Amino acid sequence: MRRTLPAKAAPEEKGVEAELRHVLEAAFPCEEARYYLSMSVGSTPETADEGVVLILDGTKTLTSSPFWDYPDGKTPFVGALGVLLDGARRPRGIVETTQVEIMSFGAITEEMARAYGEGEQTVEWWRRVMGAFYRASAAHHNAVLTDDTPHIWEWFTVVHRL
């Protein structure tokens, strides 16, 4: 899952950020402390669209991220509210983080693979496909992915459809 970081946004992105904040304010007024980064699945518009479907239908309720995805150190927290974006960056829903665990990349279980909701929903698939994704991400960040690499595992639920 990719979280959209608001820091150093271009002028046109600042307008998008304001729009996304308005989405949160309209659905959850006076809860600014819970507003968090918007989210989308994968790194392409196609995977983001696929992810929206999986999240909105309840198939995908878990995501994970390495710490290098949060260079400012602001990681997900229980109760956080984020706008779910499709591949065109349109708001499709609001999700609430229900649980956060810091565990190694290799800690995935069959139950977690099912909750991840993508592909074959097995540990083998997750290690193969998501492992390739995270190895590429690690290389981009001059890091190395191992089974011991800490990951942020974030469970969430859809609390508002748009």
Protein backbone atom coordinates (compact mmCIF):
# COMPACT_ATOMS: atom_id res chain seq x y z
CA MET A 1 0.00 0.00 0.00
CA ARG A 2 1.26 3.43 -0.80
CA ARG A 3 0.57 6.35 1.49
CA THR A 4 0.60 9.78 -0.10
CA LEU A 5 3.03 12.01 1.75
CA PRO A 6 1.98 15.67 1.85
CA ALA A 7 5.42 17.18 2.47
CA LYS A 8 6.90 19.40 -0.25
CA ALA A 9 3.88 19.09 -2.50
CA ALA A 10 3.71 20.95 -5.80
CA PRO A 11 1.04 23.70 -5.98
CA GLU A 12 -1.44 21.47 -7.84
CA GLU A 13 -0.90 18.69 -5.28
CA LYS A 14 -1.66 21.13 -2.45
CA GLY A 15 -5.11 21.57 -3.99
CA VAL A 16 -5.57 17.80 -4.02
CA GLU A 17 -4.44 17.62 -0.39
CA ALA A 18 -7.00 20.27 0.56
CA GLU A 19 -9.70 18.33 -1.29
CA LEU A 20 -8.78 15.10 0.51
CA ARG A 21 -8.80 16.87 3.86
CA HIS A 22 -12.25 18.23 3.01
CA VAL A 23 -13.40 14.65 2.34
CA LEU A 24 -12.27 13.65 5.84
CA GLU A 25 -13.79 16.77 7.44
CA ALA A 26 -17.15 16.16 5.75
CA ALA A 27 -17.34 12.55 6.96
CA PHE A 28 -15.60 12.96 10.34
CA PRO A 29 -15.88 16.58 11.48
CA CYS A 30 -13.85 17.70 14.50
CA GLU A 31 -11.59 14.63 14.39
CA GLU A 32 -8.47 16.25 12.93
CA ALA A 33 -6.17 14.30 15.25
CA ARG A 34 -7.25 11.11 13.44
CA TYR A 35 -6.72 12.42 9.89
CA TYR A 36 -3.89 10.55 8.23
CA LEU A 37 -2.32 10.15 4.82
CA SER A 38 -4.40 9.02 1.85
CA MET A 39 -3.75 5.51 0.59
CA SER A 40 -3.70 3.51 -2.61
CA VAL A 41 -2.59 -0.02 -3.45
CA GLY A 42 0.56 -0.75 -5.44
CA SER A 43 2.55 1.55 -7.64
CA THR A 44 0.42 1.82 -10.80
CA PRO A 45 -3.07 3.12 -11.58
CA GLU A 46 -4.12 -0.45 -12.45
CA THR A 47 -3.06 -1.91 -9.11
CA ALA A 48 -4.67 1.04 -7.31
CA ASP A 49 -7.98 0.31 -9.07
CA GLU A 50 -7.70 -3.39 -8.26
CA GLY A 51 -6.92 -2.54 -4.65
CA VAL A 52 -9.96 -0.28 -4.32
CA VAL A 53 -12.21 -3.16 -5.35
CA LEU A 54 -10.54 -5.56 -2.89
CA ILE A 55 -10.76 -3.05 -0.04
CA LEU A 56 -14.33 -1.91 -0.67
CA ASP A 57 -15.60 -5.49 -0.92
CA GLY A 58 -13.81 -6.44 2.33
CA THR A 59 -11.34 -8.88 0.79
CA LYS A 60 -8.28 -6.76 1.65
CA THR A 61 -8.09 -5.70 5.30
CA LEU A 62 -4.31 -5.73 5.85
CA THR A 63 -1.36 -3.98 4.30
CA SER A 64 2.31 -3.72 5.12
CA SER A 65 5.05 -1.20 4.56
CA PRO A 66 8.75 -1.03 5.31
CA PHE A 67 9.89 1.89 7.42
CA TRP A 68 11.60 3.52 4.43
CA ASP A 69 8.12 4.36 3.16
CA TYR A 70 7.80 6.76 6.11
CA PRO A 71 10.92 8.96 6.00
CA ASP A 72 9.28 11.50 8.32
CA GLY A 73 8.64 8.78 10.92
CA LYS A 74 4.87 9.37 10.94
CA THR A 75 3.64 5.78 10.78
CA PRO A 76 0.03 4.54 10.86
CA PHE A 77 -1.73 4.45 14.23
CA VAL A 78 -4.89 2.81 15.56
CA GLY A 79 -7.85 5.06 14.82
CA ALA A 80 -6.19 6.82 11.88
CA LEU A 81 -8.54 7.85 9.06
CA GLY A 82 -7.29 7.95 5.48
CA VAL A 83 -8.90 8.54 2.11
CA LEU A 84 -8.73 5.52 -0.21
CA LEU A 85 -7.73 6.59 -3.74
CA ASP A 86 -8.28 4.81 -7.04
CA GLY A 87 -5.84 4.80 -9.96
CA ALA A 88 -6.98 8.24 -11.11
CA ARG A 89 -6.42 9.51 -7.52
CA ARG A 90 -10.17 9.92 -6.99
CA PRO A 91 -11.47 9.39 -3.44
CA ARG A 92 -13.39 6.12 -3.20
CA GLY A 93 -13.73 5.62 0.53
CA ILE A 94 -12.34 6.31 3.97
CA VAL A 95 -10.53 3.61 5.89
CA GLU A 96 -9.78 3.43 9.59
CA THR A 97 -6.69 1.71 10.96
CA THR A 98 -7.80 -0.89 13.50
CA GLN A 99 -4.48 -2.50 14.45
CA VAL A 100 -0.78 -1.80 13.87
CA GLU A 101 2.04 -4.26 14.54
CA ILE A 102 5.75 -3.97 13.89
CA MET A 103 6.94 -7.38 12.74
CA SER A 104 9.60 -8.67 10.41
CA PHE A 105 8.96 -9.18 6.71
CA GLY A 106 9.21 -12.93 7.29
CA ALA A 107 6.53 -12.96 10.01
CA ILE A 108 3.61 -13.36 7.59
CA THR A 109 1.17 -16.17 8.42
CA GLU A 110 -1.53 -17.80 6.32
CA GLU A 111 -4.14 -15.76 8.19
CA MET A 112 -2.28 -12.55 7.37
CA ALA A 113 -1.87 -13.58 3.72
CA ARG A 114 -5.65 -14.06 3.49
CA ALA A 115 -6.28 -10.66 5.11
CA TYR A 116 -3.76 -9.09 2.68
CA GLY A 117 -6.38 -10.03 0.09
CA GLU A 118 -4.24 -9.98 -3.03
CA GLY A 119 -3.26 -12.72 -5.47
CA GLU A 120 -3.60 -16.29 -4.23
CA GLN A 121 -3.87 -15.12 -0.60
CA THR A 122 -1.18 -17.58 0.52
CA VAL A 123 2.13 -17.12 2.31
CA GLU A 124 3.94 -18.61 -0.71
CA TRP A 125 2.34 -16.11 -3.10
CA TRP A 126 2.94 -13.20 -0.73
CA ARG A 127 6.63 -14.06 -0.23
CA ARG A 128 7.16 -14.48 -3.97
CA VAL A 129 5.16 -11.54 -5.39
CA MET A 130 5.29 -9.04 -2.54
CA GLY A 131 8.87 -10.08 -1.83
CA ALA A 132 9.80 -9.04 -5.38
CA PHE A 133 7.92 -5.75 -4.92
CA TYR A 134 9.66 -4.98 -1.62
CA ARG A 135 13.10 -6.06 -2.90
CA ALA A 136 12.72 -3.55 -5.76
CA SER A 137 11.57 -0.90 -3.28
CA ALA A 138 14.54 -1.67 -1.02
CA ALA A 139 16.98 -1.29 -3.90
CA HIS A 140 15.39 2.06 -4.78
CA HIS A 141 16.04 3.18 -1.20
CA ASN A 142 19.58 1.75 -1.07
CA ALA A 143 18.40 -0.86 1.43
CA VAL A 144 18.29 -4.64 1.50
CA LEU A 145 15.19 -6.69 2.24
CA THR A 146 15.63 -9.78 4.41
CA ASP A 147 13.20 -11.89 6.43
CA ASP A 148 14.29 -9.81 9.43
CA THR A 149 13.53 -6.41 7.86
CA PRO A 150 11.00 -4.66 10.12
CA HIS A 151 7.63 -4.00 8.50
CA ILE A 152 4.63 -2.04 9.65
CA TRP A 153 1.59 -4.31 9.40
CA GLU A 154 -1.62 -2.28 9.31
CA TRP A 155 -5.13 -3.73 9.59
CA PHE A 156 -7.97 -1.47 8.48
CA THR A 157 -11.67 -1.36 7.73
CA VAL A 158 -13.81 0.76 5.42
CA VAL A 159 -15.80 3.24 7.50
CA HIS A 160 -17.21 5.41 4.71
CA ARG A 161 -17.82 4.86 1.00
CA LEU A 162 -17.59 7.73 -1.45
